[in-house]
Every structure is written in structure tokens, then in C-alpha cells.
Amino acid sequence: MMMGLLTTLLCSAFQAHAALLSTKSKHEVRADVTPVQKVIQLMTEMHAKGVQEKQDEEVAFTTFKQWCDNTRDAKRESVAKAEALMEQFSADVAKAKSDANELNEGIMELDNAIEGFKKDQQSATEVRTKERSEYDETHADYSASIDAVERAIFVLSRQDFDRAQAASLLQKVASLRRTPPGAQSVVASLLAADDDIEDPFASQTPGDVGMSVTAPEAHGYEFQSGKVVTMLKKLKDKFADEKHELEKAEMNGKHAYEMAAEDLHSSIDAAEKESSEKAKAKAEAEQGVAADKGDLADTTSARDEDQKYLDGVMTQC
């Protein structure tokens, strides 16, 4: 295109020069402004302009290429970092979910343990309540038996005791649930006016009222108060010993229950505390899952935008 323009200009210059030469009559052609010089000047200016345009184009191309390279590198780096973060967030989500599930299983196990402890506590309380009720009943029975024997001893120990009153008291002693069969036989013999009453405690080890009575020989109808009083005192001691053993057993049973109840209470408190801590940790883990999912979604979206921009840049460049 430039060559065509140059050719046109040269033709025009030569035509103008020929016209001037043919019409020159009176005036001299100015030597310093000839058509050829004019063409040369135009050509020089056009060359300089072309060179400048080429330089400008080279600068623009270099600048654009640099922008392409810089943008490509920056976006590739951004995409790579985003994908690394996405991988990390995905791992964090999986870990937080695993932790939450594990904590939930631990909470369920603790809840079952707490329920078991409470059932054991209830069972122990029921057993203890029953034991206490039986103790109270038995203790009251022993106390009443001892009281009845003491009153009988008191009456029979008097020199001129009332036989009717003594007989009534002895009948009550004989009817006591804890009076051994041997002692009951002695009382029966006495009430039948047997005058030779064997001591049922004489051939027994301490605390064992065996209760083998030798059949007495009747020599009259009088109370053998001395032997009976001795028997009653031994019977009282027997009741007192058994009552004492009962009280010791009650004290030991109460202590054992209190220790077991304290252990169960401590176990329940510890399990409930641990369950509460696990529940708190589980809630934090679940919050972590939600936060990591949000970060993953945001990072994925940013990565996608960078990748889309990078693809456009690659196409454009």
C-alpha cells in the first residue's frame, strides 16, 4: 500500500515538473523547492512515521506479552493455592465428622453407664430399705423379749412373788418367738408344778440354748424360782448377745451401703461430667464441620473464577 502511494506521488511530482518546464517563460523555477525534493521529503517523513509505528507496535506487543505472562503465572499460582486449600478443608471436614461421630458414640456409652449406675443405686437402696425394715422389726422383737424376761426375773427374784403374776410372765416368755424350745419346756414344767427342773443351759456352750430338758421328778407343786431365774438370766444374756450381733450387722450393712452409694454417686458424677465435656467437644466439632464446609465452598468458588479467568487469558494471549 505504501509503495502504491509512493508511486502515485512520484508520478504527480514528475507531471508537475513537466508542466512547469513547458510553461516557463518569464520566471525561473526556484531551485530550492523542486517537486522531486518535495517527494523525497514526503517519503522521508513517511519512513520515519513507519519506523515509529513499528517501534510503538513492538512496545505494545512486548507490554501485552508481559501482561499475559504475569497474569497467567499469577492465576496459575492462585489456582494451585486454592486447590491445596480445598484439599486441606476437605480433610478437615472429614476429620471433624469422624471426631463428632466418635464423641457421639462415647456419649452414648456414658449415658448407658449412667443409667446402669442409677439402676444399681436404686437396687441397693431398695435392698437397704428392706434390710433396715427387717432390722427394725427384729430389733424391736429382741427388745420386747429382753424386756419380758427382765420383768419375769424381777418378779421371780422377790421373796414373796405373786404366783399368778409370775405364771403370766412365764407364759409370755414361753410364747416369745425367740425363746428356745428347751426353755419353753422348762417353763411348761414349772407351770405344771414340777419341782425338779433341769437348767437347759447347763450342758450347752455359751450362747447355745439347746434345749434338752431332763424330765423332772415331781415332788410337789411349788415354783423352782431359783433355777428358773438362773435360766431366765441366761436367756436374757442370749437375747442381749444376739441383739448386739444384730446391731453390729446393721451397722456394717449401713456402712457398706453408704460406701457403695458414695461410689455409685461418684461414678455418676464423673460419667455425667465426662459426657458433658464430650457433648461440648462434639458441638465444637460440628461447628468446625460447618465452618470448614463454608471455607471449602468459598475457596472452590474462588478457584473456579480464577480458572475461568485463566482460560480466557490463555485464549486471548
C-alpha atoms as a PDB file:
ATOM      1  CA  MET A   1       0.000   0.000   0.000  1.00  0.00           C
ATOM      2  CA  MET A   2       2.838   2.345   0.856  1.00  0.00           C
ATOM      3  CA  MET A   3       4.576   1.541  -2.455  1.00  0.00           C
ATOM      4  CA  GLY A   4       1.412   2.411  -4.414  1.00  0.00           C
ATOM      5  CA  LEU A   5       1.124   5.712  -2.610  1.00  0.00           C
ATOM      6  CA  LEU A   6       4.781   6.459  -3.267  1.00  0.00           C
ATOM      7  CA  THR A   7       4.386   5.689  -6.967  1.00  0.00           C
ATOM      8  CA  THR A   8       1.387   7.982  -7.181  1.00  0.00           C
ATOM      9  CA  LEU A   9       3.276  10.802  -5.512  1.00  0.00           C
ATOM     10  CA  LEU A  10       6.259  10.371  -7.856  1.00  0.00           C
ATOM     11  CA  CYS A  11       4.028  10.468 -10.905  1.00  0.00           C
ATOM     12  CA  SER A  12       2.318  13.589  -9.682  1.00  0.00           C
ATOM     13  CA  ALA A  13       5.654  15.247  -8.990  1.00  0.00           C
ATOM     14  CA  PHE A  14       7.049  14.499 -12.417  1.00  0.00           C
ATOM     15  CA  GLN A  15       3.860  15.713 -14.097  1.00  0.00           C
ATOM     16  CA  ALA A  16       4.025  18.958 -12.147  1.00  0.00           C
ATOM     17  CA  HIS A  17       7.688  19.381 -13.017  1.00  0.00           C
ATOM     18  CA  ALA A  18       6.965  18.861 -16.727  1.00  0.00           C
ATOM     19  CA  ALA A  19       4.186  21.419 -16.661  1.00  0.00           C
ATOM     20  CA  LEU A  20       6.445  23.940 -15.057  1.00  0.00           C
ATOM     21  CA  LEU A  21       9.159  23.378 -17.616  1.00  0.00           C
ATOM     22  CA  SER A  22       6.762  23.706 -20.559  1.00  0.00           C
ATOM     23  CA  THR A  23       5.233  26.904 -19.343  1.00  0.00           C
ATOM     24  CA  LYS A  24       8.409  28.526 -18.086  1.00  0.00           C
ATOM     25  CA  SER A  25       8.827  31.787 -19.956  1.00  0.00           C
ATOM     26  CA  LYS A  26       9.450  34.658 -17.788  1.00  0.00           C
ATOM     27  CA  HIS A  27      10.050  33.141 -14.387  1.00  0.00           C
ATOM     28  CA  GLU A  28      12.849  30.932 -13.187  1.00  0.00           C
ATOM     29  CA  VAL A  29      11.958  27.755 -11.351  1.00  0.00           C
ATOM     30  CA  ARG A  30      13.044  28.059  -7.785  1.00  0.00           C
ATOM     31  CA  ALA A  31      15.992  25.759  -7.327  1.00  0.00           C
ATOM     32  CA  ASP A  32      15.330  25.079  -3.609  1.00  0.00           C
ATOM     33  CA  VAL A  33      11.708  23.725  -3.908  1.00  0.00           C
ATOM     34  CA  THR A  34      11.572  21.234  -6.683  1.00  0.00           C
ATOM     35  CA  PRO A  35       8.832  18.586  -6.970  1.00  0.00           C
ATOM     36  CA  VAL A  36      11.367  15.773  -6.585  1.00  0.00           C
ATOM     37  CA  GLN A  37      12.636  17.274  -3.393  1.00  0.00           C
ATOM     38  CA  LYS A  38       9.084  17.583  -2.216  1.00  0.00           C
ATOM     39  CA  VAL A  39       8.505  13.879  -2.922  1.00  0.00           C
ATOM     40  CA  ILE A  40      11.711  12.918  -1.165  1.00  0.00           C
ATOM     41  CA  GLN A  41      10.715  14.966   1.846  1.00  0.00           C
ATOM     42  CA  LEU A  42       7.315  13.212   1.950  1.00  0.00           C
ATOM     43  CA  MET A  43       8.970   9.855   1.597  1.00  0.00           C
ATOM     44  CA  THR A  44      11.360  10.634   4.429  1.00  0.00           C
ATOM     45  CA  GLU A  45       8.529  11.678   6.691  1.00  0.00           C
ATOM     46  CA  MET A  46       6.544   8.555   5.806  1.00  0.00           C
ATOM     47  CA  HIS A  47       9.554   6.361   6.538  1.00  0.00           C
ATOM     48  CA  ALA A  48      10.072   7.990   9.900  1.00  0.00           C
ATOM     49  CA  LYS A  49       6.412   7.549  10.680  1.00  0.00           C
ATOM     50  CA  GLY A  50       6.507   3.876   9.703  1.00  0.00           C
ATOM     51  CA  VAL A  51       9.569   3.283  11.879  1.00  0.00           C
ATOM     52  CA  GLN A  52       7.863   4.978  14.820  1.00  0.00           C
ATOM     53  CA  GLU A  53       4.687   2.957  14.333  1.00  0.00           C
ATOM     54  CA  LYS A  54       6.725  -0.232  14.200  1.00  0.00           C
ATOM     55  CA  GLN A  55       8.503   0.706  17.397  1.00  0.00           C
ATOM     56  CA  ASP A  56       5.190   1.555  19.061  1.00  0.00           C
ATOM     57  CA  GLU A  57       3.769  -1.771  17.908  1.00  0.00           C
ATOM     58  CA  GLU A  58       6.773  -3.638  19.271  1.00  0.00           C
ATOM     59  CA  VAL A  59       6.442  -1.847  22.620  1.00  0.00           C
ATOM     60  CA  ALA A  60       2.708  -2.600  22.747  1.00  0.00           C
ATOM     61  CA  PHE A  61       3.331  -6.262  21.859  1.00  0.00           C
ATOM     62  CA  THR A  62       6.043  -6.566  24.498  1.00  0.00           C
ATOM     63  CA  THR A  63       3.810  -4.931  27.076  1.00  0.00           C
ATOM     64  CA  PHE A  64       0.880  -7.206  26.189  1.00  0.00           C
ATOM     65  CA  LYS A  65       3.085 -10.302  26.238  1.00  0.00           C
ATOM     66  CA  GLN A  66       4.414  -9.326  29.646  1.00  0.00           C
ATOM     67  CA  TRP A  67       0.871  -8.835  30.906  1.00  0.00           C
ATOM     68  CA  CYS A  68      -0.103 -12.248  29.531  1.00  0.00           C
ATOM     69  CA  ASP A  69       2.842 -13.946  31.200  1.00  0.00           C
ATOM     70  CA  ASN A  70       2.340 -12.185  34.537  1.00  0.00           C
ATOM     71  CA  THR A  71      -1.399 -12.775  34.596  1.00  0.00           C
ATOM     72  CA  ARG A  72      -1.019 -16.422  33.575  1.00  0.00           C
ATOM     73  CA  ASP A  73       1.584 -17.073  36.273  1.00  0.00           C
ATOM     74  CA  ALA A  74      -0.402 -15.253  38.961  1.00  0.00           C
ATOM     75  CA  LYS A  75      -3.645 -17.055  38.164  1.00  0.00           C
ATOM     76  CA  ARG A  76      -1.956 -20.447  37.963  1.00  0.00           C
ATOM     77  CA  GLU A  77      -0.406 -19.847  41.359  1.00  0.00           C
ATOM     78  CA  SER A  78      -3.749 -18.684  42.747  1.00  0.00           C
ATOM     79  CA  VAL A  79      -5.496 -21.783  41.377  1.00  0.00           C
ATOM     80  CA  ALA A  80      -2.815 -24.073  42.811  1.00  0.00           C
ATOM     81  CA  LYS A  81      -3.052 -22.455  46.248  1.00  0.00           C
ATOM     82  CA  ALA A  82      -6.840 -22.680  46.164  1.00  0.00           C
ATOM     83  CA  GLU A  83      -6.733 -26.360  45.275  1.00  0.00           C
ATOM     84  CA  ALA A  84      -4.276 -27.027  48.118  1.00  0.00           C
ATOM     85  CA  LEU A  85      -6.629 -25.222  50.499  1.00  0.00           C
ATOM     86  CA  MET A  86      -9.578 -27.188  49.123  1.00  0.00           C
ATOM     87  CA  GLU A  87      -7.748 -30.415  49.834  1.00  0.00           C
ATOM     88  CA  GLN A  88      -6.957 -29.264  53.371  1.00  0.00           C
ATOM     89  CA  PHE A  89     -10.530 -28.127  54.031  1.00  0.00           C
ATOM     90  CA  SER A  90     -11.861 -31.455  52.737  1.00  0.00           C
ATOM     91  CA  ALA A  91      -9.528 -33.308  55.112  1.00  0.00           C
ATOM     92  CA  ASP A  92     -10.603 -31.035  57.972  1.00  0.00           C
ATOM     93  CA  VAL A  93     -14.274 -31.729  57.251  1.00  0.00           C
ATOM     94  CA  ALA A  94     -13.671 -35.494  57.227  1.00  0.00           C
ATOM     95  CA  LYS A  95     -11.648 -35.301  60.468  1.00  0.00           C
ATOM     96  CA  ALA A  96     -14.240 -33.147  62.235  1.00  0.00           C
ATOM     97  CA  LYS A  97     -17.029 -35.526  61.178  1.00  0.00           C
ATOM     98  CA  SER A  98     -15.044 -38.511  62.439  1.00  0.00           C
ATOM     99  CA  ASP A  99     -14.384 -36.758  65.743  1.00  0.00           C
ATOM    100  CA  ALA A 100     -18.055 -35.842  66.128  1.00  0.00           C
ATOM    101  CA  ASN A 101     -19.138 -39.443  65.459  1.00  0.00           C
ATOM    102  CA  GLU A 102     -16.581 -40.821  67.894  1.00  0.00           C
ATOM    103  CA  LEU A 103     -17.656 -38.352  70.563  1.00  0.00           C
ATOM    104  CA  ASN A 104     -21.292 -39.246  69.972  1.00  0.00           C
ATOM    105  CA  GLU A 105     -20.517 -42.938  70.491  1.00  0.00           C
ATOM    106  CA  GLY A 106     -18.664 -42.062  73.700  1.00  0.00           C
ATOM    107  CA  ILE A 107     -21.644 -40.038  74.928  1.00  0.00           C
ATOM    108  CA  MET A 108     -23.994 -42.954  74.245  1.00  0.00           C
ATOM    109  CA  GLU A 109     -21.708 -45.337  76.164  1.00  0.00           C
ATOM    110  CA  LEU A 110     -21.557 -42.917  79.088  1.00  0.00           C
ATOM    111  CA  ASP A 111     -25.330 -42.494  79.067  1.00  0.00           C
ATOM    112  CA  ASN A 112     -25.713 -46.277  79.252  1.00  0.00           C
ATOM    113  CA  ALA A 113     -23.191 -46.415  82.081  1.00  0.00           C
ATOM    114  CA  ILE A 114     -25.013 -43.653  83.973  1.00  0.00           C
ATOM    115  CA  GLU A 115     -28.302 -45.494  83.541  1.00  0.00           C
ATOM    116  CA  GLY A 116     -26.661 -48.669  84.882  1.00  0.00           C
ATOM    117  CA  PHE A 117     -25.203 -46.805  87.861  1.00  0.00           C
ATOM    118  CA  LYS A 118     -28.598 -45.338  88.677  1.00  0.00           C
ATOM    119  CA  LYS A 119     -30.253 -48.747  88.463  1.00  0.00           C
ATOM    120  CA  ASP A 120     -27.594 -50.180  90.772  1.00  0.00           C
ATOM    121  CA  GLN A 121     -28.159 -47.252  93.088  1.00  0.00           C
ATOM    122  CA  GLN A 122     -31.897 -47.863  93.110  1.00  0.00           C
ATOM    123  CA  SER A 123     -31.447 -51.604  93.677  1.00  0.00           C
ATOM    124  CA  ALA A 124     -29.001 -51.004  96.520  1.00  0.00           C
ATOM    125  CA  THR A 125     -31.401 -48.528  98.102  1.00  0.00           C
ATOM    126  CA  GLU A 126     -34.291 -50.986  97.836  1.00  0.00           C
ATOM    127  CA  VAL A 127     -32.210 -53.760  99.399  1.00  0.00           C
ATOM    128  CA  ARG A 128     -31.018 -51.434 102.123  1.00  0.00           C
ATOM    129  CA  THR A 129     -34.557 -50.257 102.843  1.00  0.00           C
ATOM    130  CA  LYS A 130     -35.702 -53.859 103.151  1.00  0.00           C
ATOM    131  CA  GLU A 131     -32.759 -54.740 105.396  1.00  0.00           C
ATOM    132  CA  ARG A 132     -33.467 -51.748 107.603  1.00  0.00           C
ATOM    133  CA  SER A 133     -37.123 -52.683 107.880  1.00  0.00           C
ATOM    134  CA  GLU A 134     -36.216 -56.250 108.831  1.00  0.00           C
ATOM    135  CA  TYR A 135     -33.659 -54.949 111.302  1.00  0.00           C
ATOM    136  CA  ASP A 136     -36.137 -52.619 112.942  1.00  0.00           C
ATOM    137  CA  GLU A 137     -38.648 -55.439 113.278  1.00  0.00           C
ATOM    138  CA  THR A 138     -36.088 -57.917 114.643  1.00  0.00           C
ATOM    139  CA  HIS A 139     -34.518 -55.333 116.936  1.00  0.00           C
ATOM    140  CA  ALA A 140     -37.900 -54.436 118.355  1.00  0.00           C
ATOM    141  CA  ASP A 141     -38.613 -58.156 118.846  1.00  0.00           C
ATOM    142  CA  TYR A 142     -35.367 -58.630 120.758  1.00  0.00           C
ATOM    143  CA  SER A 143     -36.024 -55.539 122.833  1.00  0.00           C
ATOM    144  CA  ALA A 144     -39.524 -56.793 123.720  1.00  0.00           C
ATOM    145  CA  SER A 145     -38.161 -60.269 124.512  1.00  0.00           C
ATOM    146  CA  ILE A 146     -35.460 -58.888 126.783  1.00  0.00           C
ATOM    147  CA  ASP A 147     -37.993 -56.656 128.491  1.00  0.00           C
ATOM    148  CA  ALA A 148     -40.342 -59.606 129.088  1.00  0.00           C
ATOM    149  CA  VAL A 149     -37.526 -61.741 130.526  1.00  0.00           C
ATOM    150  CA  GLU A 150     -36.333 -58.889 132.746  1.00  0.00           C
ATOM    151  CA  ARG A 151     -39.811 -58.420 134.179  1.00  0.00           C
ATOM    152  CA  ALA A 152     -40.115 -62.148 134.811  1.00  0.00           C
ATOM    153  CA  ILE A 153     -36.729 -62.162 136.549  1.00  0.00           C
ATOM    154  CA  PHE A 154     -37.736 -59.181 138.635  1.00  0.00           C
ATOM    155  CA  VAL A 155     -40.950 -60.812 139.817  1.00  0.00           C
ATOM    156  CA  LEU A 156     -39.447 -64.252 140.467  1.00  0.00           C
ATOM    157  CA  SER A 157     -36.499 -62.749 142.328  1.00  0.00           C
ATOM    158  CA  ARG A 158     -38.779 -61.324 145.003  1.00  0.00           C
ATOM    159  CA  GLN A 159     -39.190 -63.425 148.131  1.00  0.00           C
ATOM    160  CA  ASP A 160     -42.948 -63.356 148.159  1.00  0.00           C
ATOM    161  CA  PHE A 161     -43.787 -63.113 144.488  1.00  0.00           C
ATOM    162  CA  ASP A 162     -47.286 -63.273 143.155  1.00  0.00           C
ATOM    163  CA  ARG A 163     -47.664 -66.741 141.638  1.00  0.00           C
ATOM    164  CA  ALA A 164     -50.379 -65.647 139.240  1.00  0.00           C
ATOM    165  CA  GLN A 165     -48.320 -62.730 138.006  1.00  0.00           C
ATOM    166  CA  ALA A 166     -45.240 -64.954 137.760  1.00  0.00           C
ATOM    167  CA  ALA A 167     -47.204 -67.560 135.801  1.00  0.00           C
ATOM    168  CA  SER A 168     -48.472 -64.885 133.422  1.00  0.00           C
ATOM    169  CA  LEU A 169     -44.988 -63.522 132.838  1.00  0.00           C
ATOM    170  CA  LEU A 170     -43.557 -67.008 132.331  1.00  0.00           C
ATOM    171  CA  GLN A 171     -46.276 -67.828 129.850  1.00  0.00           C
ATOM    172  CA  LYS A 172     -45.344 -64.663 127.938  1.00  0.00           C
ATOM    173  CA  VAL A 173     -41.658 -65.649 127.985  1.00  0.00           C
ATOM    174  CA  ALA A 174     -42.547 -69.132 126.724  1.00  0.00           C
ATOM    175  CA  SER A 175     -44.625 -67.628 123.905  1.00  0.00           C
ATOM    176  CA  LEU A 176     -41.822 -65.409 122.687  1.00  0.00           C
ATOM    177  CA  ARG A 177     -40.790 -66.265 119.162  1.00  0.00           C
ATOM    178  CA  ARG A 178     -37.112 -66.277 120.116  1.00  0.00           C
ATOM    179  CA  THR A 179     -37.434 -68.396 123.227  1.00  0.00           C
ATOM    180  CA  PRO A 180     -35.657 -71.725 122.522  1.00  0.00           C
ATOM    181  CA  PRO A 181     -37.710 -74.944 122.727  1.00  0.00           C
ATOM    182  CA  GLY A 182     -35.715 -76.134 125.766  1.00  0.00           C
ATOM    183  CA  ALA A 183     -36.553 -73.024 127.739  1.00  0.00           C
ATOM    184  CA  GLN A 184     -40.180 -73.362 126.731  1.00  0.00           C
ATOM    185  CA  SER A 185     -40.143 -76.923 128.131  1.00  0.00           C
ATOM    186  CA  VAL A 186     -38.669 -75.674 131.415  1.00  0.00           C
ATOM    187  CA  VAL A 187     -41.347 -73.040 131.691  1.00  0.00           C
ATOM    188  CA  ALA A 188     -44.022 -75.606 130.873  1.00  0.00           C
ATOM    189  CA  SER A 189     -42.673 -77.937 133.575  1.00  0.00           C
ATOM    190  CA  LEU A 190     -42.612 -75.120 136.060  1.00  0.00           C
ATOM    191  CA  LEU A 191     -46.141 -74.137 135.262  1.00  0.00           C
ATOM    192  CA  ALA A 192     -47.149 -77.787 135.682  1.00  0.00           C
ATOM    193  CA  ALA A 193     -45.727 -77.626 139.229  1.00  0.00           C
ATOM    194  CA  ASP A 194     -42.737 -79.888 138.513  1.00  0.00           C
ATOM    195  CA  ASP A 195     -40.310 -79.466 141.390  1.00  0.00           C
ATOM    196  CA  ASP A 196     -37.142 -80.754 139.745  1.00  0.00           C
ATOM    197  CA  ILE A 197     -36.256 -78.537 136.789  1.00  0.00           C
ATOM    198  CA  GLU A 198     -33.048 -79.080 134.886  1.00  0.00           C
ATOM    199  CA  ASP A 199     -31.213 -75.989 133.667  1.00  0.00           C
ATOM    200  CA  PRO A 200     -31.416 -76.111 129.843  1.00  0.00           C
ATOM    201  CA  PHE A 201     -28.225 -74.037 129.630  1.00  0.00           C
ATOM    202  CA  ALA A 202     -26.156 -76.261 131.919  1.00  0.00           C
ATOM    203  CA  SER A 203     -24.778 -78.590 129.234  1.00  0.00           C
ATOM    204  CA  GLN A 204     -24.620 -76.085 126.365  1.00  0.00           C
ATOM    205  CA  THR A 205     -21.888 -73.878 125.110  1.00  0.00           C
ATOM    206  CA  PRO A 206     -22.354 -70.156 125.767  1.00  0.00           C
ATOM    207  CA  GLY A 207     -24.989 -68.647 123.524  1.00  0.00           C
ATOM    208  CA  ASP A 208     -26.472 -72.030 122.558  1.00  0.00           C
ATOM    209  CA  VAL A 209     -29.723 -72.802 124.258  1.00  0.00           C
ATOM    210  CA  GLY A 210     -30.106 -76.374 123.206  1.00  0.00           C
ATOM    211  CA  MET A 211     -32.668 -77.183 124.880  1.00  0.00           C
ATOM    212  CA  SER A 212     -32.559 -80.625 126.110  1.00  0.00           C
ATOM    213  CA  VAL A 213     -34.541 -80.917 129.325  1.00  0.00           C
ATOM    214  CA  THR A 214     -34.349 -83.943 131.548  1.00  0.00           C
ATOM    215  CA  ALA A 215     -37.803 -84.933 132.605  1.00  0.00           C
ATOM    216  CA  PRO A 216     -38.188 -83.780 136.206  1.00  0.00           C
ATOM    217  CA  GLU A 217     -39.465 -85.852 139.006  1.00  0.00           C
ATOM    218  CA  ALA A 218     -42.428 -84.385 140.688  1.00  0.00           C
ATOM    219  CA  HIS A 219     -42.032 -83.792 144.400  1.00  0.00           C
ATOM    220  CA  GLY A 220     -44.764 -81.293 144.863  1.00  0.00           C
ATOM    221  CA  TYR A 221     -46.380 -78.206 143.451  1.00  0.00           C
ATOM    222  CA  GLU A 222     -44.015 -75.377 144.199  1.00  0.00           C
ATOM    223  CA  PHE A 223     -42.169 -72.980 141.950  1.00  0.00           C
ATOM    224  CA  GLN A 224     -38.496 -73.656 141.488  1.00  0.00           C
ATOM    225  CA  SER A 225     -37.845 -69.952 141.227  1.00  0.00           C
ATOM    226  CA  GLY A 226     -34.085 -70.043 141.752  1.00  0.00           C
ATOM    227  CA  LYS A 227     -33.428 -72.379 138.864  1.00  0.00           C
ATOM    228  CA  VAL A 228     -35.914 -70.536 136.682  1.00  0.00           C
ATOM    229  CA  VAL A 229     -34.347 -67.186 137.464  1.00  0.00           C
ATOM    230  CA  THR A 230     -30.944 -68.564 136.550  1.00  0.00           C
ATOM    231  CA  MET A 231     -32.362 -69.891 133.287  1.00  0.00           C
ATOM    232  CA  LEU A 232     -34.063 -66.590 132.578  1.00  0.00           C
ATOM    233  CA  LYS A 233     -30.854 -64.660 133.165  1.00  0.00           C
ATOM    234  CA  LYS A 234     -29.050 -66.885 130.717  1.00  0.00           C
ATOM    235  CA  LEU A 235     -31.895 -66.439 128.274  1.00  0.00           C
ATOM    236  CA  LYS A 236     -31.639 -62.670 128.715  1.00  0.00           C
ATOM    237  CA  ASP A 237     -27.893 -62.808 128.047  1.00  0.00           C
ATOM    238  CA  LYS A 238     -28.583 -64.864 124.929  1.00  0.00           C
ATOM    239  CA  PHE A 239     -31.087 -62.320 123.662  1.00  0.00           C
ATOM    240  CA  ALA A 240     -28.732 -59.468 124.506  1.00  0.00           C
ATOM    241  CA  ASP A 241     -25.839 -61.125 122.631  1.00  0.00           C
ATOM    242  CA  GLU A 242     -27.981 -61.781 119.596  1.00  0.00           C
ATOM    243  CA  LYS A 243     -29.303 -58.246 119.720  1.00  0.00           C
ATOM    244  CA  HIS A 244     -25.748 -56.924 119.863  1.00  0.00           C
ATOM    245  CA  GLU A 245     -24.742 -59.053 116.880  1.00  0.00           C
ATOM    246  CA  LEU A 246     -27.820 -57.795 115.064  1.00  0.00           C
ATOM    247  CA  GLU A 247     -26.802 -54.206 115.771  1.00  0.00           C
ATOM    248  CA  LYS A 248     -23.262 -54.886 114.552  1.00  0.00           C
ATOM    249  CA  ALA A 249     -24.605 -56.459 111.368  1.00  0.00           C
ATOM    250  CA  GLU A 250     -26.891 -53.464 110.880  1.00  0.00           C
ATOM    251  CA  MET A 251     -24.033 -51.039 111.385  1.00  0.00           C
ATOM    252  CA  ASN A 252     -21.843 -52.963 108.926  1.00  0.00           C
ATOM    253  CA  GLY A 253     -24.690 -53.200 106.410  1.00  0.00           C
ATOM    254  CA  LYS A 254     -25.373 -49.492 106.706  1.00  0.00           C
ATOM    255  CA  HIS A 255     -21.691 -48.662 106.290  1.00  0.00           C
ATOM    256  CA  ALA A 256     -21.378 -50.951 103.265  1.00  0.00           C
ATOM    257  CA  TYR A 257     -24.442 -49.356 101.689  1.00  0.00           C
ATOM    258  CA  GLU A 258     -23.164 -45.848 102.318  1.00  0.00           C
ATOM    259  CA  MET A 259     -19.785 -46.720 100.793  1.00  0.00           C
ATOM    260  CA  ALA A 260     -21.429 -48.334  97.757  1.00  0.00           C
ATOM    261  CA  ALA A 261     -23.836 -45.419  97.397  1.00  0.00           C
ATOM    262  CA  GLU A 262     -20.936 -42.957  97.576  1.00  0.00           C
ATOM    263  CA  ASP A 263     -19.006 -44.903  94.923  1.00  0.00           C
ATOM    264  CA  LEU A 264     -22.057 -45.019  92.651  1.00  0.00           C
ATOM    265  CA  HIS A 265     -22.709 -41.320  93.218  1.00  0.00           C
ATOM    266  CA  SER A 266     -19.081 -40.518  92.361  1.00  0.00           C
ATOM    267  CA  SER A 267     -19.274 -42.727  89.280  1.00  0.00           C
ATOM    268  CA  ILE A 268     -22.457 -40.981  88.133  1.00  0.00           C
ATOM    269  CA  ASP A 269     -20.940 -37.533  88.701  1.00  0.00           C
ATOM    270  CA  ALA A 270     -17.755 -38.470  86.843  1.00  0.00           C
ATOM    271  CA  ALA A 271     -19.678 -40.011  83.935  1.00  0.00           C
ATOM    272  CA  GLU A 272     -22.020 -37.020  83.691  1.00  0.00           C
ATOM    273  CA  LYS A 273     -19.062 -34.618  83.738  1.00  0.00           C
ATOM    274  CA  GLU A 274     -17.269 -36.585  81.038  1.00  0.00           C
ATOM    275  CA  SER A 275     -20.468 -36.804  78.990  1.00  0.00           C
ATOM    276  CA  SER A 276     -20.926 -33.036  79.288  1.00  0.00           C
ATOM    277  CA  GLU A 277     -17.350 -32.435  78.149  1.00  0.00           C
ATOM    278  CA  LYS A 278     -17.801 -34.792  75.199  1.00  0.00           C
ATOM    279  CA  ALA A 279     -21.078 -33.075  74.276  1.00  0.00           C
ATOM    280  CA  LYS A 280     -19.292 -29.718  74.281  1.00  0.00           C
ATOM    281  CA  ALA A 281     -16.459 -31.127  72.175  1.00  0.00           C
ATOM    282  CA  LYS A 282     -18.986 -32.680  69.797  1.00  0.00           C
ATOM    283  CA  ALA A 283     -20.763 -29.341  69.350  1.00  0.00           C
ATOM    284  CA  GLU A 284     -17.420 -27.680  68.611  1.00  0.00           C
ATOM    285  CA  ALA A 285     -16.563 -30.427  66.121  1.00  0.00           C
ATOM    286  CA  GLU A 286     -19.922 -29.959  64.373  1.00  0.00           C
ATOM    287  CA  GLN A 287     -19.326 -26.211  64.258  1.00  0.00           C
ATOM    288  CA  GLY A 288     -15.919 -26.950  62.760  1.00  0.00           C
ATOM    289  CA  VAL A 289     -17.556 -29.098  60.091  1.00  0.00           C
ATOM    290  CA  ALA A 290     -19.895 -26.252  59.167  1.00  0.00           C
ATOM    291  CA  ALA A 291     -17.064 -23.684  59.124  1.00  0.00           C
ATOM    292  CA  ASP A 292     -14.777 -25.912  57.052  1.00  0.00           C
ATOM    293  CA  LYS A 293     -17.593 -26.614  54.591  1.00  0.00           C
ATOM    294  CA  GLY A 294     -18.161 -22.875  54.227  1.00  0.00           C
ATOM    295  CA  ASP A 295     -14.442 -22.250  53.655  1.00  0.00           C
ATOM    296  CA  LEU A 296     -14.333 -25.118  51.174  1.00  0.00           C
ATOM    297  CA  ALA A 297     -17.279 -23.696  49.245  1.00  0.00           C
ATOM    298  CA  ASP A 298     -15.776 -20.175  49.174  1.00  0.00           C
ATOM    299  CA  THR A 299     -12.350 -21.449  48.117  1.00  0.00           C
ATOM    300  CA  THR A 300     -13.864 -23.658  45.422  1.00  0.00           C
ATOM    301  CA  SER A 301     -15.831 -20.727  44.053  1.00  0.00           C
ATOM    302  CA  ALA A 302     -12.728 -18.515  44.029  1.00  0.00           C
ATOM    303  CA  ARG A 303     -10.722 -21.279  42.331  1.00  0.00           C
ATOM    304  CA  ASP A 304     -13.377 -21.679  39.667  1.00  0.00           C
ATOM    305  CA  GLU A 305     -13.379 -17.927  38.970  1.00  0.00           C
ATOM    306  CA  ASP A 306      -9.579 -17.860  38.735  1.00  0.00           C
ATOM    307  CA  GLN A 307      -9.567 -20.900  36.452  1.00  0.00           C
ATOM    308  CA  LYS A 308     -12.197 -19.339  34.190  1.00  0.00           C
ATOM    309  CA  TYR A 309     -10.215 -16.090  34.012  1.00  0.00           C
ATOM    310  CA  LEU A 310      -7.013 -18.042  33.329  1.00  0.00           C
ATOM    311  CA  ASP A 311      -8.672 -19.947  30.489  1.00  0.00           C
ATOM    312  CA  GLY A 312      -9.797 -16.644  28.991  1.00  0.00           C
ATOM    313  CA  VAL A 313      -6.334 -15.154  29.289  1.00  0.00           C
ATOM    314  CA  MET A 314      -4.764 -18.208  27.651  1.00  0.00           C
ATOM    315  CA  THR A 315      -7.199 -17.920  24.737  1.00  0.00           C
ATOM    316  CA  GLN A 316      -6.730 -14.175  24.403  1.00  0.00           C
ATOM    317  CA  CYS A 317      -2.952 -14.313  24.625  1.00  0.00           C
END
